[in-house]
C-alpha atoms as a PDB file:
ATOM      1  CA  UNK A   1     133.927 -30.927 -63.169  1.00  0.00           C
ATOM      2  CA  UNK A   2     136.759 -28.508 -63.947  1.00  0.00           C
ATOM      3  CA  UNK A   3     139.253 -30.583 -61.979  1.00  0.00           C
ATOM      4  CA  UNK A   4     138.753 -33.892 -63.801  1.00  0.00           C
ATOM      5  CA  UNK A   5     141.099 -33.185 -66.676  1.00  0.00           C
ATOM      6  CA  UNK A   6     140.355 -34.228 -70.217  1.00  0.00           C
ATOM      7  CA  UNK A   7     143.442 -35.875 -71.550  1.00  0.00           C
ATOM      8  CA  UNK A   8     146.807 -37.447 -71.043  1.00  0.00           C
ATOM      9  CA  UNK A   9     150.227 -35.962 -70.444  1.00  0.00           C
ATOM     10  CA  UNK A  10     151.697 -34.485 -73.649  1.00  0.00           C
ATOM     11  CA  UNK A  11     155.226 -35.249 -72.424  1.00  0.00           C
ATOM     12  CA  UNK A  12     157.154 -37.775 -74.491  1.00  0.00           C
ATOM     13  CA  UNK A  13     160.027 -40.075 -73.519  1.00  0.00           C
ATOM     14  CA  UNK A  14     162.954 -39.539 -75.878  1.00  0.00           C
ATOM     15  CA  UNK A  15     166.420 -41.019 -75.258  1.00  0.00           C
ATOM     16  CA  UNK A  16     168.249 -38.029 -76.802  1.00  0.00           C
ATOM     17  CA  UNK A  17     166.295 -35.610 -74.600  1.00  0.00           C
ATOM     18  CA  UNK A  18     167.044 -37.690 -71.514  1.00  0.00           C
ATOM     19  CA  UNK A  19     170.766 -37.724 -72.320  1.00  0.00           C
ATOM     20  CA  UNK A  20     170.757 -33.984 -73.055  1.00  0.00           C
ATOM     21  CA  UNK A  21     169.009 -33.306 -69.742  1.00  0.00           C
ATOM     22  CA  UNK A  22     171.480 -35.490 -67.868  1.00  0.00           C
ATOM     23  CA  UNK A  23     174.538 -33.893 -69.471  1.00  0.00           C
ATOM     24  CA  UNK A  24     173.149 -30.368 -69.183  1.00  0.00           C
ATOM     25  CA  UNK A  25     172.071 -30.632 -65.560  1.00  0.00           C
ATOM     26  CA  UNK A  26     175.214 -32.435 -64.441  1.00  0.00           C
ATOM     27  CA  UNK A  27     177.535 -30.053 -66.283  1.00  0.00           C
ATOM     28  CA  UNK A  28     175.782 -26.956 -64.981  1.00  0.00           C
ATOM     29  CA  UNK A  29     175.859 -28.022 -61.338  1.00  0.00           C
ATOM     30  CA  UNK A  30     179.533 -29.055 -61.575  1.00  0.00           C
ATOM     31  CA  UNK A  31     180.394 -25.692 -63.148  1.00  0.00           C
ATOM     32  CA  UNK A  32     178.455 -23.816 -60.446  1.00  0.00           C
ATOM     33  CA  UNK A  33     180.245 -25.838 -57.763  1.00  0.00           C
ATOM     34  CA  UNK A  34     183.667 -25.057 -59.247  1.00  0.00           C
ATOM     35  CA  UNK A  35     182.786 -21.378 -59.640  1.00  0.00           C
ATOM     36  CA  UNK A  36     181.637 -21.249 -56.026  1.00  0.00           C
ATOM     37  CA  UNK A  37     185.089 -22.493 -54.939  1.00  0.00           C
ATOM     38  CA  UNK A  38     186.777 -19.633 -56.800  1.00  0.00           C
ATOM     39  CA  UNK A  39     184.293 -16.894 -55.848  1.00  0.00           C
ATOM     40  CA  UNK A  40     183.624 -17.972 -52.245  1.00  0.00           C
ATOM     41  CA  UNK A  41     179.959 -17.299 -53.004  1.00  0.00           C
ATOM     42  CA  UNK A  42     177.084 -19.761 -52.612  1.00  0.00           C
ATOM     43  CA  UNK A  43     176.303 -20.494 -56.263  1.00  0.00           C
ATOM     44  CA  UNK A  44     174.539 -23.773 -55.529  1.00  0.00           C
ATOM     45  CA  UNK A  45     171.015 -22.866 -54.536  1.00  0.00           C
ATOM     46  CA  UNK A  46     168.079 -25.230 -54.856  1.00  0.00           C
ATOM     47  CA  UNK A  47     166.217 -23.105 -57.372  1.00  0.00           C
ATOM     48  CA  UNK A  48     169.130 -23.437 -59.820  1.00  0.00           C
ATOM     49  CA  UNK A  49     168.596 -27.195 -59.959  1.00  0.00           C
ATOM     50  CA  UNK A  50     164.985 -26.556 -60.918  1.00  0.00           C
ATOM     51  CA  UNK A  51     166.130 -24.030 -63.534  1.00  0.00           C
ATOM     52  CA  UNK A  52     168.262 -26.765 -65.091  1.00  0.00           C
ATOM     53  CA  UNK A  53     165.147 -28.927 -65.481  1.00  0.00           C
ATOM     54  CA  UNK A  54     163.512 -26.205 -67.543  1.00  0.00           C
ATOM     55  CA  UNK A  55     166.655 -25.200 -69.464  1.00  0.00           C
ATOM     56  CA  UNK A  56     167.420 -28.730 -70.641  1.00  0.00           C
ATOM     57  CA  UNK A  57     164.124 -30.595 -70.736  1.00  0.00           C
ATOM     58  CA  UNK A  58     161.699 -27.821 -71.688  1.00  0.00           C
ATOM     59  CA  UNK A  59     164.263 -25.691 -73.506  1.00  0.00           C
ATOM     60  CA  UNK A  60     161.720 -24.242 -75.944  1.00  0.00           C
ATOM     61  CA  UNK A  61     159.228 -23.103 -73.290  1.00  0.00           C
ATOM     62  CA  UNK A  62     158.855 -19.339 -72.818  1.00  0.00           C
ATOM     63  CA  UNK A  63     159.647 -19.930 -69.138  1.00  0.00           C
ATOM     64  CA  UNK A  64     163.060 -21.436 -70.064  1.00  0.00           C
ATOM     65  CA  UNK A  65     164.451 -18.600 -72.130  1.00  0.00           C
ATOM     66  CA  UNK A  66     167.488 -16.519 -71.057  1.00  0.00           C
ATOM     67  CA  UNK A  67     165.328 -13.478 -70.285  1.00  0.00           C
ATOM     68  CA  UNK A  68     163.232 -15.575 -67.929  1.00  0.00           C
ATOM     69  CA  UNK A  69     166.045 -17.514 -66.277  1.00  0.00           C
ATOM     70  CA  UNK A  70     168.245 -14.482 -65.605  1.00  0.00           C
ATOM     71  CA  UNK A  71     165.486 -11.901 -65.175  1.00  0.00           C
ATOM     72  CA  UNK A  72     163.247 -14.142 -63.087  1.00  0.00           C
ATOM     73  CA  UNK A  73     166.006 -15.043 -60.640  1.00  0.00           C
ATOM     74  CA  UNK A  74     167.240 -11.453 -60.462  1.00  0.00           C
ATOM     75  CA  UNK A  75     163.817  -9.920 -59.832  1.00  0.00           C
ATOM     76  CA  UNK A  76     162.705 -12.568 -57.349  1.00  0.00           C
ATOM     77  CA  UNK A  77     165.926 -12.323 -55.381  1.00  0.00           C
ATOM     78  CA  UNK A  78     165.716  -8.529 -55.404  1.00  0.00           C
ATOM     79  CA  UNK A  79     162.175  -8.739 -54.030  1.00  0.00           C
ATOM     80  CA  UNK A  80     163.307 -11.215 -51.366  1.00  0.00           C
ATOM     81  CA  UNK A  81     166.191  -9.012 -50.245  1.00  0.00           C
ATOM     82  CA  UNK A  82     163.982  -5.927 -50.058  1.00  0.00           C
ATOM     83  CA  UNK A  83     161.322  -7.774 -48.050  1.00  0.00           C
ATOM     84  CA  UNK A  84     163.952  -9.244 -45.720  1.00  0.00           C
ATOM     85  CA  UNK A  85     165.556  -5.880 -45.049  1.00  0.00           C
ATOM     86  CA  UNK A  86     162.230  -4.168 -44.414  1.00  0.00           C
ATOM     87  CA  UNK A  87     160.319  -6.871 -42.503  1.00  0.00           C
ATOM     88  CA  UNK A  88     162.877  -9.452 -41.384  1.00  0.00           C
ATOM     89  CA  UNK A  89     162.440 -13.216 -41.513  1.00  0.00           C
ATOM     90  CA  UNK A  90     158.865 -13.462 -40.274  1.00  0.00           C
ATOM     91  CA  UNK A  91     156.691 -16.284 -41.671  1.00  0.00           C
ATOM     92  CA  UNK A  92     154.376 -13.759 -43.285  1.00  0.00           C
ATOM     93  CA  UNK A  93     157.346 -11.996 -44.949  1.00  0.00           C
ATOM     94  CA  UNK A  94     158.182 -15.287 -46.691  1.00  0.00           C
ATOM     95  CA  UNK A  95     154.659 -15.399 -48.088  1.00  0.00           C
ATOM     96  CA  UNK A  96     154.735 -11.726 -49.060  1.00  0.00           C
ATOM     97  CA  UNK A  97     158.112 -12.191 -50.770  1.00  0.00           C
ATOM     98  CA  UNK A  98     156.885 -15.101 -52.883  1.00  0.00           C
ATOM     99  CA  UNK A  99     153.643 -13.318 -53.807  1.00  0.00           C
ATOM    100  CA  UNK A 100     155.443 -10.129 -54.800  1.00  0.00           C
ATOM    101  CA  UNK A 101     158.076 -12.104 -56.714  1.00  0.00           C
ATOM    102  CA  UNK A 102     155.394 -13.882 -58.738  1.00  0.00           C
ATOM    103  CA  UNK A 103     153.559 -10.670 -59.580  1.00  0.00           C
ATOM    104  CA  UNK A 104     156.833  -8.835 -60.357  1.00  0.00           C
ATOM    105  CA  UNK A 105     157.950 -11.580 -62.735  1.00  0.00           C
ATOM    106  CA  UNK A 106     154.569 -11.544 -64.449  1.00  0.00           C
ATOM    107  CA  UNK A 107     154.645  -7.759 -64.737  1.00  0.00           C
ATOM    108  CA  UNK A 108     158.115  -7.814 -66.333  1.00  0.00           C
ATOM    109  CA  UNK A 109     157.458 -10.883 -68.526  1.00  0.00           C
ATOM    110  CA  UNK A 110     160.277 -12.777 -66.802  1.00  0.00           C
ATOM    111  CA  UNK A 111     158.238 -15.567 -65.218  1.00  0.00           C
ATOM    112  CA  UNK A 112     160.497 -18.457 -64.260  1.00  0.00           C
ATOM    113  CA  UNK A 113     158.882 -20.890 -61.777  1.00  0.00           C
ATOM    114  CA  UNK A 114     162.098 -21.954 -59.987  1.00  0.00           C
ATOM    115  CA  UNK A 115     162.767 -18.297 -59.157  1.00  0.00           C
ATOM    116  CA  UNK A 116     159.626 -18.271 -57.028  1.00  0.00           C
ATOM    117  CA  UNK A 117     161.735 -20.017 -54.374  1.00  0.00           C
ATOM    118  CA  UNK A 118     164.362 -17.263 -54.305  1.00  0.00           C
ATOM    119  CA  UNK A 119     162.648 -15.015 -51.745  1.00  0.00           C
ATOM    120  CA  UNK A 120     162.408 -17.992 -49.371  1.00  0.00           C
ATOM    121  CA  UNK A 121     166.089 -18.808 -49.935  1.00  0.00           C
ATOM    122  CA  UNK A 122     167.111 -15.177 -49.362  1.00  0.00           C
ATOM    123  CA  UNK A 123     164.946 -14.565 -46.310  1.00  0.00           C
ATOM    124  CA  UNK A 124     165.711 -17.850 -44.529  1.00  0.00           C
ATOM    125  CA  UNK A 125     169.394 -17.551 -45.437  1.00  0.00           C
ATOM    126  CA  UNK A 126     169.487 -13.913 -44.238  1.00  0.00           C
ATOM    127  CA  UNK A 127     171.400 -12.904 -47.353  1.00  0.00           C
ATOM    128  CA  UNK A 128     172.512  -9.362 -48.117  1.00  0.00           C
ATOM    129  CA  UNK A 129     172.659  -7.307 -51.290  1.00  0.00           C
ATOM    130  CA  UNK A 130     175.878  -8.897 -52.554  1.00  0.00           C
ATOM    131  CA  UNK A 131     174.039 -12.239 -52.890  1.00  0.00           C
ATOM    132  CA  UNK A 132     172.035 -10.692 -55.739  1.00  0.00           C
ATOM    133  CA  UNK A 133     175.143 -10.146 -57.856  1.00  0.00           C
ATOM    134  CA  UNK A 134     177.784 -12.577 -56.609  1.00  0.00           C
ATOM    135  CA  UNK A 135     175.494 -15.571 -56.415  1.00  0.00           C
ATOM    136  CA  UNK A 136     172.241 -15.156 -58.287  1.00  0.00           C
ATOM    137  CA  UNK A 137     173.389 -13.156 -61.287  1.00  0.00           C
ATOM    138  CA  UNK A 138     176.580 -15.201 -61.812  1.00  0.00           C
ATOM    139  CA  UNK A 139     174.666 -18.453 -61.272  1.00  0.00           C
ATOM    140  CA  UNK A 140     171.757 -17.670 -63.589  1.00  0.00           C
ATOM    141  CA  UNK A 141     174.048 -16.387 -66.339  1.00  0.00           C
ATOM    142  CA  UNK A 142     176.107 -19.575 -66.001  1.00  0.00           C
ATOM    143  CA  UNK A 143     172.970 -21.698 -66.423  1.00  0.00           C
ATOM    144  CA  UNK A 144     172.109 -19.826 -69.616  1.00  0.00           C
ATOM    145  CA  UNK A 145     175.649 -20.132 -70.999  1.00  0.00           C
ATOM    146  CA  UNK A 146     175.699 -23.893 -70.444  1.00  0.00           C
ATOM    147  CA  UNK A 147     172.179 -24.182 -71.912  1.00  0.00           C
ATOM    148  CA  UNK A 148     173.298 -22.243 -75.003  1.00  0.00           C
ATOM    149  CA  UNK A 149     176.163 -24.663 -75.530  1.00  0.00           C
ATOM    150  CA  UNK A 150     174.484 -27.996 -74.668  1.00  0.00           C
ATOM    151  CA  UNK A 151     171.106 -27.351 -76.307  1.00  0.00           C
ATOM    152  CA  UNK A 152     172.656 -26.134 -79.553  1.00  0.00           C
ATOM    153  CA  UNK A 153     174.836 -29.242 -79.892  1.00  0.00           C
ATOM    154  CA  UNK A 154     171.662 -31.084 -80.861  1.00  0.00           C
ATOM    155  CA  UNK A 155     170.205 -30.941 -84.348  1.00  0.00           C
ATOM    156  CA  UNK A 156     166.671 -29.630 -84.202  1.00  0.00           C
ATOM    157  CA  UNK A 157     167.240 -27.541 -81.094  1.00  0.00           C
ATOM    158  CA  UNK A 158     167.665 -23.822 -81.461  1.00  0.00           C
ATOM    159  CA  UNK A 159     168.165 -22.222 -78.072  1.00  0.00           C
ATOM    160  CA  UNK A 160     167.106 -19.625 -77.234  1.00  0.00           C
ATOM    161  CA  UNK A 161     163.743 -19.247 -78.880  1.00  0.00           C
ATOM    162  CA  UNK A 162     163.923 -15.541 -77.952  1.00  0.00           C
ATOM    163  CA  UNK A 163     166.175 -13.171 -76.028  1.00  0.00           C
ATOM    164  CA  UNK A 164     163.892 -10.229 -75.402  1.00  0.00           C
END
Protein backbone atom coordinates (compact mmCIF):
# COMPACT_ATOMS: atom_id res chain seq x y z
CA UNK A 1 0.00 0.00 0.00
CA UNK A 2 2.82 2.42 0.80
CA UNK A 3 4.36 1.98 -2.64
CA UNK A 4 1.30 2.93 -4.71
CA UNK A 5 1.81 6.67 -4.59
CA UNK A 6 -1.04 9.10 -4.24
CA UNK A 7 -0.54 11.77 -6.82
CA UNK A 8 1.11 13.06 -9.93
CA UNK A 9 4.51 14.59 -10.53
CA UNK A 10 4.69 18.19 -9.25
CA UNK A 11 7.25 19.05 -11.93
CA UNK A 12 6.13 21.61 -14.50
CA UNK A 13 7.29 22.18 -18.07
CA UNK A 14 8.36 25.80 -18.51
CA UNK A 15 10.19 27.07 -21.61
CA UNK A 16 12.26 29.63 -19.65
CA UNK A 17 13.38 26.94 -17.20
CA UNK A 18 14.31 24.61 -20.05
CA UNK A 19 16.38 27.33 -21.73
CA UNK A 20 18.04 28.26 -18.43
CA UNK A 21 18.90 24.61 -17.79
CA UNK A 22 20.32 24.23 -21.29
CA UNK A 23 22.43 27.39 -21.09
CA UNK A 24 23.56 26.69 -17.53
CA UNK A 25 24.52 23.07 -18.09
CA UNK A 26 26.21 23.72 -21.42
CA UNK A 27 28.13 26.74 -20.14
CA UNK A 28 29.30 24.96 -17.00
CA UNK A 29 30.61 21.89 -18.81
CA UNK A 30 32.39 24.03 -21.44
CA UNK A 31 34.01 26.10 -18.68
CA UNK A 32 35.09 22.96 -16.80
CA UNK A 33 36.54 21.54 -20.03
CA UNK A 34 38.51 24.73 -20.71
CA UNK A 35 39.73 24.90 -17.11
CA UNK A 36 40.85 21.28 -17.31
CA UNK A 37 43.03 22.17 -20.32
CA UNK A 38 44.78 24.90 -18.32
CA UNK A 39 45.09 22.98 -15.04
CA UNK A 40 45.87 19.53 -16.47
CA UNK A 41 43.40 18.19 -13.91
CA UNK A 42 40.33 16.06 -14.63
CA UNK A 43 37.57 18.60 -13.98
CA UNK A 44 34.97 16.72 -16.01
CA UNK A 45 33.60 14.03 -13.75
CA UNK A 46 30.19 12.47 -14.19
CA UNK A 47 28.82 13.71 -10.88
CA UNK A 48 29.36 17.32 -12.02
CA UNK A 49 26.89 16.81 -14.85
CA UNK A 50 24.33 15.67 -12.30
CA UNK A 51 25.16 18.69 -10.13
CA UNK A 52 24.31 20.92 -13.09
CA UNK A 53 20.85 19.33 -13.25
CA UNK A 54 20.19 20.38 -9.67
CA UNK A 55 21.88 23.80 -9.93
CA UNK A 56 19.88 24.88 -12.97
CA UNK A 57 16.60 22.98 -12.87
CA UNK A 58 16.01 22.67 -9.12
CA UNK A 59 17.97 25.78 -8.18
CA UNK A 60 15.82 26.53 -5.12
CA UNK A 61 16.11 23.05 -3.58
CA UNK A 62 18.15 22.79 -0.36
CA UNK A 63 20.21 20.12 -2.14
CA UNK A 64 21.22 22.64 -4.86
CA UNK A 65 22.65 25.37 -2.69
CA UNK A 66 26.36 26.34 -2.72
CA UNK A 67 26.96 24.78 0.70
CA UNK A 68 25.60 21.48 -0.57
CA UNK A 69 27.26 21.50 -3.99
CA UNK A 70 30.73 22.42 -2.71
CA UNK A 71 30.50 20.77 0.71
CA UNK A 72 28.83 17.60 -0.56
CA UNK A 73 31.42 17.02 -3.27
CA UNK A 74 34.30 17.87 -0.93
CA UNK A 75 33.15 15.59 1.90
CA UNK A 76 32.22 12.69 -0.36
CA UNK A 77 35.50 12.86 -2.23
CA UNK A 78 37.42 13.09 1.05
CA UNK A 79 35.62 9.98 2.30
CA UNK A 80 36.38 8.18 -0.97
CA UNK A 81 40.07 9.04 -0.84
CA UNK A 82 40.37 7.93 2.79
CA UNK A 83 38.59 4.64 2.08
CA UNK A 84 40.73 4.03 -1.01
CA UNK A 85 43.97 4.65 0.84
CA UNK A 86 43.00 2.44 3.76
CA UNK A 87 41.21 -0.44 1.99
CA UNK A 88 42.08 -0.18 -1.70
CA UNK A 89 39.68 -0.65 -4.59
CA UNK A 90 37.77 -3.67 -3.32
CA UNK A 91 34.07 -3.96 -4.26
CA UNK A 92 33.08 -3.68 -0.62
CA UNK A 93 35.19 -0.50 -0.22
CA UNK A 94 33.08 1.11 -2.96
CA UNK A 95 29.96 0.32 -0.97
CA UNK A 96 31.52 1.49 2.29
CA UNK A 97 32.66 4.73 0.64
CA UNK A 98 29.19 5.55 -0.67
CA UNK A 99 27.52 4.68 2.65
CA UNK A 100 29.96 6.78 4.66
CA UNK A 101 29.69 9.65 2.17
CA UNK A 102 25.90 9.69 2.50
CA UNK A 103 26.00 9.65 6.30
CA UNK A 104 28.80 12.27 6.39
CA UNK A 105 26.85 14.61 4.12
CA UNK A 106 23.74 14.17 6.24
CA UNK A 107 25.71 14.79 9.43
CA UNK A 108 27.20 18.02 8.05
CA UNK A 109 23.98 19.20 6.35
CA UNK A 110 25.71 19.16 2.95
CA UNK A 111 23.62 16.48 1.25
CA UNK A 112 24.05 16.68 -2.51
CA UNK A 113 22.89 13.51 -4.34
CA UNK A 114 25.37 13.71 -7.25
CA UNK A 115 28.23 13.71 -4.73
CA UNK A 116 27.21 10.22 -3.67
CA UNK A 117 29.01 9.03 -6.81
CA UNK A 118 32.31 10.66 -5.83
CA UNK A 119 33.67 7.79 -3.73
CA UNK A 120 33.09 5.43 -6.66
CA UNK A 121 34.83 7.86 -9.03
CA UNK A 122 37.78 8.27 -6.65
CA UNK A 123 38.20 4.60 -5.80
CA UNK A 124 37.82 3.25 -9.35
CA UNK A 125 40.00 6.06 -10.71
CA UNK A 126 42.65 5.44 -8.01
CA UNK A 127 42.91 9.17 -7.36
CA UNK A 128 45.19 10.73 -4.78
CA UNK A 129 44.81 13.62 -2.37
CA UNK A 130 45.46 16.31 -4.99
CA UNK A 131 42.24 15.28 -6.78
CA UNK A 132 40.31 16.67 -3.81
CA UNK A 133 41.62 20.19 -4.38
CA UNK A 134 42.69 20.40 -8.02
CA UNK A 135 39.63 18.71 -9.43
CA UNK A 136 36.73 18.50 -7.02
CA UNK A 137 37.07 21.80 -5.20
CA UNK A 138 37.83 23.82 -8.36
CA UNK A 139 35.05 22.02 -10.25
CA UNK A 140 32.36 22.41 -7.60
CA UNK A 141 33.21 26.07 -7.00
CA UNK A 142 33.02 26.64 -10.76
CA UNK A 143 29.55 25.07 -10.87
CA UNK A 144 28.38 27.41 -8.12
CA UNK A 145 29.89 30.48 -9.79
CA UNK A 146 28.16 29.72 -13.09
CA UNK A 147 24.90 28.97 -11.23
CA UNK A 148 25.15 32.32 -9.42
CA UNK A 149 25.48 34.12 -12.73
CA UNK A 150 22.98 32.19 -14.89
CA UNK A 151 20.24 31.74 -12.28
CA UNK A 152 20.30 35.39 -11.25
CA UNK A 153 19.90 36.60 -14.84
CA UNK A 154 16.28 35.49 -14.57
CA UNK A 155 13.63 37.59 -12.89
CA UNK A 156 12.04 35.63 -10.08
CA UNK A 157 15.13 33.55 -9.37
CA UNK A 158 17.25 34.42 -6.39
CA UNK A 159 20.17 32.03 -6.12
CA UNK A 160 21.30 30.98 -3.63
CA UNK A 161 18.42 30.52 -1.25
CA UNK A 162 21.02 30.18 1.53
CA UNK A 163 24.79 30.04 1.93
CA UNK A 164 25.18 28.51 5.36
